[in-house]
Amino acid sequence: MTIFPFQLNEAGHLYNRLAKLKPSSIVETAQDEAQDEVNVSVEAKKQQILGQARTEVLAQIRNAR
């Protein structure tokens, strides 16, 4: 594995930035990022169910032949 000088330089800059932060602030930002939320609209759920039903019906039709 080859390590290039710019990779060492980037690692050094990252270490310097993290060394200046308090450990508690790192934990707080990690907890904030971990709470992602996804909302699926009613219309999207309806389209998903219709698509799934369409796929199942087509599969049954193909198997009946």
PDB file of N, CA and C in Angstrom:
ATOM      1  N   MET A   1       0.849  -1.176   0.000  1.00  0.00           N
ATOM      2  CA  MET A   1       0.000   0.000   0.000  1.00  0.00           C
ATOM      3  C   MET A   1       0.895   1.239   0.000  1.00  0.00           C
ATOM      4  N   THR A   2       0.587   2.155  -0.854  1.00  0.00           N
ATOM      5  CA  THR A   2       1.380   3.366  -0.999  1.00  0.00           C
ATOM      6  C   THR A   2       0.708   4.510  -0.252  1.00  0.00           C
ATOM      7  N   ILE A   3       1.510   5.218   0.507  1.00  0.00           N
ATOM      8  CA  ILE A   3       1.005   6.395   1.217  1.00  0.00           C
ATOM      9  C   ILE A   3       1.675   7.619   0.606  1.00  0.00           C
ATOM     10  N   PHE A   4       0.864   8.542   0.131  1.00  0.00           N
ATOM     11  CA  PHE A   4       1.372   9.737  -0.518  1.00  0.00           C
ATOM     12  C   PHE A   4       1.551  10.863   0.502  1.00  0.00           C
ATOM     13  N   PRO A   5       2.449  11.783   0.226  1.00  0.00           N
ATOM     14  CA  PRO A   5       2.700  12.892   1.174  1.00  0.00           C
ATOM     15  C   PRO A   5       1.468  13.721   1.484  1.00  0.00           C
ATOM     16  N   PHE A   6       0.589  13.943   0.491  1.00  0.00           N
ATOM     17  CA  PHE A   6      -0.592  14.761   0.771  1.00  0.00           C
ATOM     18  C   PHE A   6      -1.527  14.052   1.752  1.00  0.00           C
ATOM     19  N   GLN A   7      -1.520  12.710   1.764  1.00  0.00           N
ATOM     20  CA  GLN A   7      -2.349  11.980   2.720  1.00  0.00           C
ATOM     21  C   GLN A   7      -1.826  12.196   4.133  1.00  0.00           C
ATOM     22  N   LEU A   8      -0.507  12.188   4.299  1.00  0.00           N
ATOM     23  CA  LEU A   8       0.089  12.460   5.614  1.00  0.00           C
ATOM     24  C   LEU A   8      -0.229  13.880   6.049  1.00  0.00           C
ATOM     25  N   ASN A   9      -0.182  14.807   5.112  1.00  0.00           N
ATOM     26  CA  ASN A   9      -0.471  16.206   5.406  1.00  0.00           C
ATOM     27  C   ASN A   9      -1.927  16.371   5.852  1.00  0.00           C
ATOM     28  N   GLU A  10      -2.852  15.717   5.159  1.00  0.00           N
ATOM     29  CA  GLU A  10      -4.265  15.792   5.530  1.00  0.00           C
ATOM     30  C   GLU A  10      -4.507  15.174   6.899  1.00  0.00           C
ATOM     31  N   ALA A  11      -3.841  14.059   7.183  1.00  0.00           N
ATOM     32  CA  ALA A  11      -3.991  13.423   8.490  1.00  0.00           C
ATOM     33  C   ALA A  11      -3.459  14.331   9.589  1.00  0.00           C
ATOM     34  N   GLY A  12      -2.372  15.018   9.314  1.00  0.00           N
ATOM     35  CA  GLY A  12      -1.818  15.966  10.290  1.00  0.00           C
ATOM     36  C   GLY A  12      -2.770  17.116  10.558  1.00  0.00           C
ATOM     37  N   HIS A  13      -3.372  17.656   9.513  1.00  0.00           N
ATOM     38  CA  HIS A  13      -4.338  18.752   9.689  1.00  0.00           C
ATOM     39  C   HIS A  13      -5.565  18.277  10.477  1.00  0.00           C
ATOM     40  N   LEU A  14      -6.037  17.090  10.176  1.00  0.00           N
ATOM     41  CA  LEU A  14      -7.187  16.550  10.903  1.00  0.00           C
ATOM     42  C   LEU A  14      -6.857  16.369  12.379  1.00  0.00           C
ATOM     43  N   TYR A  15      -5.683  15.817  12.667  1.00  0.00           N
ATOM     44  CA  TYR A  15      -5.272  15.626  14.057  1.00  0.00           C
ATOM     45  C   TYR A  15      -5.217  16.970  14.785  1.00  0.00           C
ATOM     46  N   ASN A  16      -4.658  17.975  14.136  1.00  0.00           N
ATOM     47  CA  ASN A  16      -4.553  19.293  14.775  1.00  0.00           C
ATOM     48  C   ASN A  16      -5.927  19.892  15.060  1.00  0.00           C
ATOM     49  N   ARG A  17      -6.875  19.716  14.127  1.00  0.00           N
ATOM     50  CA  ARG A  17      -8.224  20.235  14.363  1.00  0.00           C
ATOM     51  C   ARG A  17      -8.909  19.509  15.506  1.00  0.00           C
ATOM     52  N   LEU A  18      -8.770  18.173  15.551  1.00  0.00           N
ATOM     53  CA  LEU A  18      -9.414  17.402  16.600  1.00  0.00           C
ATOM     54  C   LEU A  18      -8.756  17.623  17.957  1.00  0.00           C
ATOM     55  N   ALA A  19      -7.466  17.892  17.975  1.00  0.00           N
ATOM     56  CA  ALA A  19      -6.761  18.117  19.229  1.00  0.00           C
ATOM     57  C   ALA A  19      -7.248  19.392  19.914  1.00  0.00           C
ATOM     58  N   LYS A  20      -7.738  20.353  19.141  1.00  0.00           N
ATOM     59  CA  LYS A  20      -8.206  21.618  19.705  1.00  0.00           C
ATOM     60  C   LYS A  20      -9.612  21.519  20.293  1.00  0.00           C
ATOM     61  N   LEU A  21     -10.367  20.489  19.904  1.00  0.00           N
ATOM     62  CA  LEU A  21     -11.737  20.350  20.377  1.00  0.00           C
ATOM     63  C   LEU A  21     -11.791  19.661  21.727  1.00  0.00           C
ATOM     64  N   LYS A  22     -12.814  20.003  22.490  1.00  0.00           N
ATOM     65  CA  LYS A  22     -13.054  19.314  23.748  1.00  0.00           C
ATOM     66  C   LYS A  22     -13.726  17.977  23.455  1.00  0.00           C
ATOM     67  N   PRO A  23     -13.404  16.932  24.211  1.00  0.00           N
ATOM     68  CA  PRO A  23     -14.038  15.625  23.968  1.00  0.00           C
ATOM     69  C   PRO A  23     -15.561  15.669  24.078  1.00  0.00           C
ATOM     70  N   SER A  24     -16.086  16.485  24.978  1.00  0.00           N
ATOM     71  CA  SER A  24     -17.536  16.557  25.137  1.00  0.00           C
ATOM     72  C   SER A  24     -18.211  17.142  23.902  1.00  0.00           C
ATOM     73  N   SER A  25     -17.569  18.079  23.223  1.00  0.00           N
ATOM     74  CA  SER A  25     -18.165  18.664  22.022  1.00  0.00           C
ATOM     75  C   SER A  25     -18.180  17.660  20.877  1.00  0.00           C
ATOM     76  N   ILE A  26     -17.196  16.767  20.822  1.00  0.00           N
ATOM     77  CA  ILE A  26     -17.182  15.728  19.784  1.00  0.00           C
ATOM     78  C   ILE A  26     -18.341  14.771  20.002  1.00  0.00           C
ATOM     79  N   VAL A  27     -18.592  14.389  21.256  1.00  0.00           N
ATOM     80  CA  VAL A  27     -19.680  13.471  21.572  1.00  0.00           C
ATOM     81  C   VAL A  27     -21.028  14.107  21.272  1.00  0.00           C
ATOM     82  N   GLU A  28     -21.184  15.389  21.604  1.00  0.00           N
ATOM     83  CA  GLU A  28     -22.443  16.080  21.357  1.00  0.00           C
ATOM     84  C   GLU A  28     -22.754  16.157  19.868  1.00  0.00           C
ATOM     85  N   THR A  29     -21.775  16.474  19.046  1.00  0.00           N
ATOM     86  CA  THR A  29     -22.027  16.558  17.612  1.00  0.00           C
ATOM     87  C   THR A  29     -22.320  15.177  17.031  1.00  0.00           C
ATOM     88  N   ALA A  30     -21.696  14.133  17.557  1.00  0.00           N
ATOM     89  CA  ALA A  30     -21.955  12.779  17.068  1.00  0.00           C
ATOM     90  C   ALA A  30     -23.380  12.358  17.413  1.00  0.00           C
ATOM     91  N   GLN A  31     -23.872  12.740  18.580  1.00  0.00           N
ATOM     92  CA  GLN A  31     -25.230  12.396  18.972  1.00  0.00           C
ATOM     93  C   GLN A  31     -26.247  13.157  18.128  1.00  0.00           C
ATOM     94  N   ASP A  32     -25.963  14.402  17.797  1.00  0.00           N
ATOM     95  CA  ASP A  32     -26.879  15.191  16.982  1.00  0.00           C
ATOM     96  C   ASP A  32     -27.008  14.604  15.582  1.00  0.00           C
ATOM     97  N   GLU A  33     -25.917  14.142  15.020  1.00  0.00           N
ATOM     98  CA  GLU A  33     -25.932  13.591  13.670  1.00  0.00           C
ATOM     99  C   GLU A  33     -26.610  12.228  13.617  1.00  0.00           C
ATOM    100  N   ALA A  34     -26.591  11.496  14.720  1.00  0.00           N
ATOM    101  CA  ALA A  34     -27.127  10.136  14.727  1.00  0.00           C
ATOM    102  C   ALA A  34     -28.654  10.117  14.704  1.00  0.00           C
ATOM    103  N   GLN A  35     -29.291  11.234  14.933  1.00  0.00           N
ATOM    104  CA  GLN A  35     -30.741  11.263  15.026  1.00  0.00           C
ATOM    105  C   GLN A  35     -31.373  11.744  13.725  1.00  0.00           C
ATOM    106  N   ASP A  36     -31.017  11.083  12.640  1.00  0.00           N
ATOM    107  CA  ASP A  36     -31.639  11.397  11.353  1.00  0.00           C
ATOM    108  C   ASP A  36     -33.057  10.861  11.337  1.00  0.00           C
ATOM    109  N   GLU A  37     -33.929  11.570  10.659  1.00  0.00           N
ATOM    110  CA  GLU A  37     -35.325  11.177  10.613  1.00  0.00           C
ATOM    111  C   GLU A  37     -35.800  11.195   9.166  1.00  0.00           C
ATOM    112  N   VAL A  38     -36.516  10.151   8.796  1.00  0.00           N
ATOM    113  CA  VAL A  38     -37.041  10.050   7.442  1.00  0.00           C
ATOM    114  C   VAL A  38     -38.555  10.006   7.521  1.00  0.00           C
ATOM    115  N   ASN A  39     -39.197  10.897   6.797  1.00  0.00           N
ATOM    116  CA  ASN A  39     -40.652  10.924   6.736  1.00  0.00           C
ATOM    117  C   ASN A  39     -41.083  10.533   5.333  1.00  0.00           C
ATOM    118  N   VAL A  40     -41.934   9.517   5.241  1.00  0.00           N
ATOM    119  CA  VAL A  40     -42.452   9.079   3.957  1.00  0.00           C
ATOM    120  C   VAL A  40     -43.884   9.580   3.857  1.00  0.00           C
ATOM    121  N   SER A  41     -44.169  10.279   2.782  1.00  0.00           N
ATOM    122  CA  SER A  41     -45.497  10.850   2.632  1.00  0.00           C
ATOM    123  C   SER A  41     -46.528   9.762   2.365  1.00  0.00           C
ATOM    124  N   VAL A  42     -47.774  10.110   2.577  1.00  0.00           N
ATOM    125  CA  VAL A  42     -48.879   9.181   2.355  1.00  0.00           C
ATOM    126  C   VAL A  42     -48.926   8.787   0.880  1.00  0.00           C
ATOM    127  N   GLU A  43     -48.693   9.748   0.001  1.00  0.00           N
ATOM    128  CA  GLU A  43     -48.708   9.469  -1.436  1.00  0.00           C
ATOM    129  C   GLU A  43     -47.596   8.492  -1.817  1.00  0.00           C
ATOM    130  N   ALA A  44     -46.434   8.643  -1.226  1.00  0.00           N
ATOM    131  CA  ALA A  44     -45.326   7.727  -1.518  1.00  0.00           C
ATOM    132  C   ALA A  44     -45.636   6.314  -1.026  1.00  0.00           C
ATOM    133  N   LYS A  45     -46.248   6.213   0.161  1.00  0.00           N
ATOM    134  CA  LYS A  45     -46.643   4.900   0.677  1.00  0.00           C
ATOM    135  C   LYS A  45     -47.670   4.252  -0.249  1.00  0.00           C
ATOM    136  N   LYS A  46     -48.619   5.058  -0.733  1.00  0.00           N
ATOM    137  CA  LYS A  46     -49.653   4.553  -1.629  1.00  0.00           C
ATOM    138  C   LYS A  46     -49.031   4.038  -2.925  1.00  0.00           C
ATOM    139  N   GLN A  47     -48.106   4.803  -3.490  1.00  0.00           N
ATOM    140  CA  GLN A  47     -47.432   4.380  -4.715  1.00  0.00           C
ATOM    141  C   GLN A  47     -46.606   3.111  -4.484  1.00  0.00           C
ATOM    142  N   GLN A  48     -45.981   3.002  -3.335  1.00  0.00           N
ATOM    143  CA  GLN A  48     -45.186   1.817  -3.014  1.00  0.00           C
ATOM    144  C   GLN A  48     -46.080   0.578  -2.936  1.00  0.00           C
ATOM    145  N   ILE A  49     -47.209   0.695  -2.284  1.00  0.00           N
ATOM    146  CA  ILE A  49     -48.141  -0.432  -2.145  1.00  0.00           C
ATOM    147  C   ILE A  49     -48.706  -0.826  -3.504  1.00  0.00           C
ATOM    148  N   LEU A  50     -49.083   0.173  -4.317  1.00  0.00           N
ATOM    149  CA  LEU A  50     -49.611  -0.118  -5.650  1.00  0.00           C
ATOM    150  C   LEU A  50     -48.552  -0.792  -6.532  1.00  0.00           C
ATOM    151  N   GLY A  51     -47.326  -0.340  -6.443  1.00  0.00           N
ATOM    152  CA  GLY A  51     -46.247  -0.952  -7.212  1.00  0.00           C
ATOM    153  C   GLY A  51     -45.986  -2.385  -6.784  1.00  0.00           C
ATOM    154  N   GLN A  52     -46.017  -2.618  -5.491  1.00  0.00           N
ATOM    155  CA  GLN A  52     -45.811  -3.962  -4.975  1.00  0.00           C
ATOM    156  C   GLN A  52     -46.960  -4.877  -5.403  1.00  0.00           C
ATOM    157  N   ALA A  53     -48.188  -4.389  -5.333  1.00  0.00           N
ATOM    158  CA  ALA A  53     -49.350  -5.181  -5.749  1.00  0.00           C
ATOM    159  C   ALA A  53     -49.276  -5.491  -7.241  1.00  0.00           C
ATOM    160  N   ARG A  54     -48.872  -4.510  -8.036  1.00  0.00           N
ATOM    161  CA  ARG A  54     -48.747  -4.705  -9.480  1.00  0.00           C
ATOM    162  C   ARG A  54     -47.710  -5.795  -9.776  1.00  0.00           C
ATOM    163  N   THR A  55     -46.590  -5.755  -9.076  1.00  0.00           N
ATOM    164  CA  THR A  55     -45.544  -6.758  -9.269  1.00  0.00           C
ATOM    165  C   THR A  55     -46.039  -8.152  -8.906  1.00  0.00           C
ATOM    166  N   GLU A  56     -46.762  -8.253  -7.791  1.00  0.00           N
ATOM    167  CA  GLU A  56     -47.263  -9.558  -7.357  1.00  0.00           C
ATOM    168  C   GLU A  56     -48.309 -10.104  -8.336  1.00  0.00           C
ATOM    169  N   VAL A  57     -49.181  -9.243  -8.831  1.00  0.00           N
ATOM    170  CA  VAL A  57     -50.208  -9.684  -9.789  1.00  0.00           C
ATOM    171  C   VAL A  57     -49.550 -10.149 -11.077  1.00  0.00           C
ATOM    172  N   LEU A  58     -48.581  -9.408 -11.572  1.00  0.00           N
ATOM    173  CA  LEU A  58     -47.892  -9.814 -12.797  1.00  0.00           C
ATOM    174  C   LEU A  58     -47.157 -11.144 -12.608  1.00  0.00           C
ATOM    175  N   ALA A  59     -46.570 -11.345 -11.441  1.00  0.00           N
ATOM    176  CA  ALA A  59     -45.876 -12.607 -11.161  1.00  0.00           C
ATOM    177  C   ALA A  59     -46.878 -13.769 -11.140  1.00  0.00           C
ATOM    178  N   GLN A  60     -48.054 -13.553 -10.578  1.00  0.00           N
ATOM    179  CA  GLN A  60     -49.069 -14.611 -10.549  1.00  0.00           C
ATOM    180  C   GLN A  60     -49.577 -14.919 -11.961  1.00  0.00           C
ATOM    181  N   ILE A  61     -49.749 -13.889 -12.783  1.00  0.00           N
ATOM    182  CA  ILE A  61     -50.198 -14.087 -14.156  1.00  0.00           C
ATOM    183  C   ILE A  61     -49.148 -14.886 -14.937  1.00  0.00           C
ATOM    184  N   ARG A  62     -47.898 -14.547 -14.775  1.00  0.00           N
ATOM    185  CA  ARG A  62     -46.837 -15.258 -15.482  1.00  0.00           C
ATOM    186  C   ARG A  62     -46.728 -16.713 -15.028  1.00  0.00           C
ATOM    187  N   ASN A  63     -46.956 -16.969 -13.760  1.00  0.00           N
ATOM    188  CA  ASN A  63     -46.893 -18.340 -13.228  1.00  0.00           C
ATOM    189  C   ASN A  63     -48.109 -19.163 -13.634  1.00  0.00           C
ATOM    190  N   ALA A  64     -49.219 -18.538 -13.947  1.00  0.00           N
ATOM    191  CA  ALA A  64     -50.452 -19.253 -14.311  1.00  0.00           C
ATOM    192  C   ALA A  64     -50.365 -19.830 -15.712  1.00  0.00           C
ATOM    193  N   ARG A  65     -49.507 -19.291 -16.541  1.00  0.00           N
ATOM    194  CA  ARG A  65     -49.404 -19.751 -17.938  1.00  0.00           C
ATOM    195  C   ARG A  65     -48.717 -21.066 -18.029  1.00  0.00           C
TER     196      ARG A  65
END
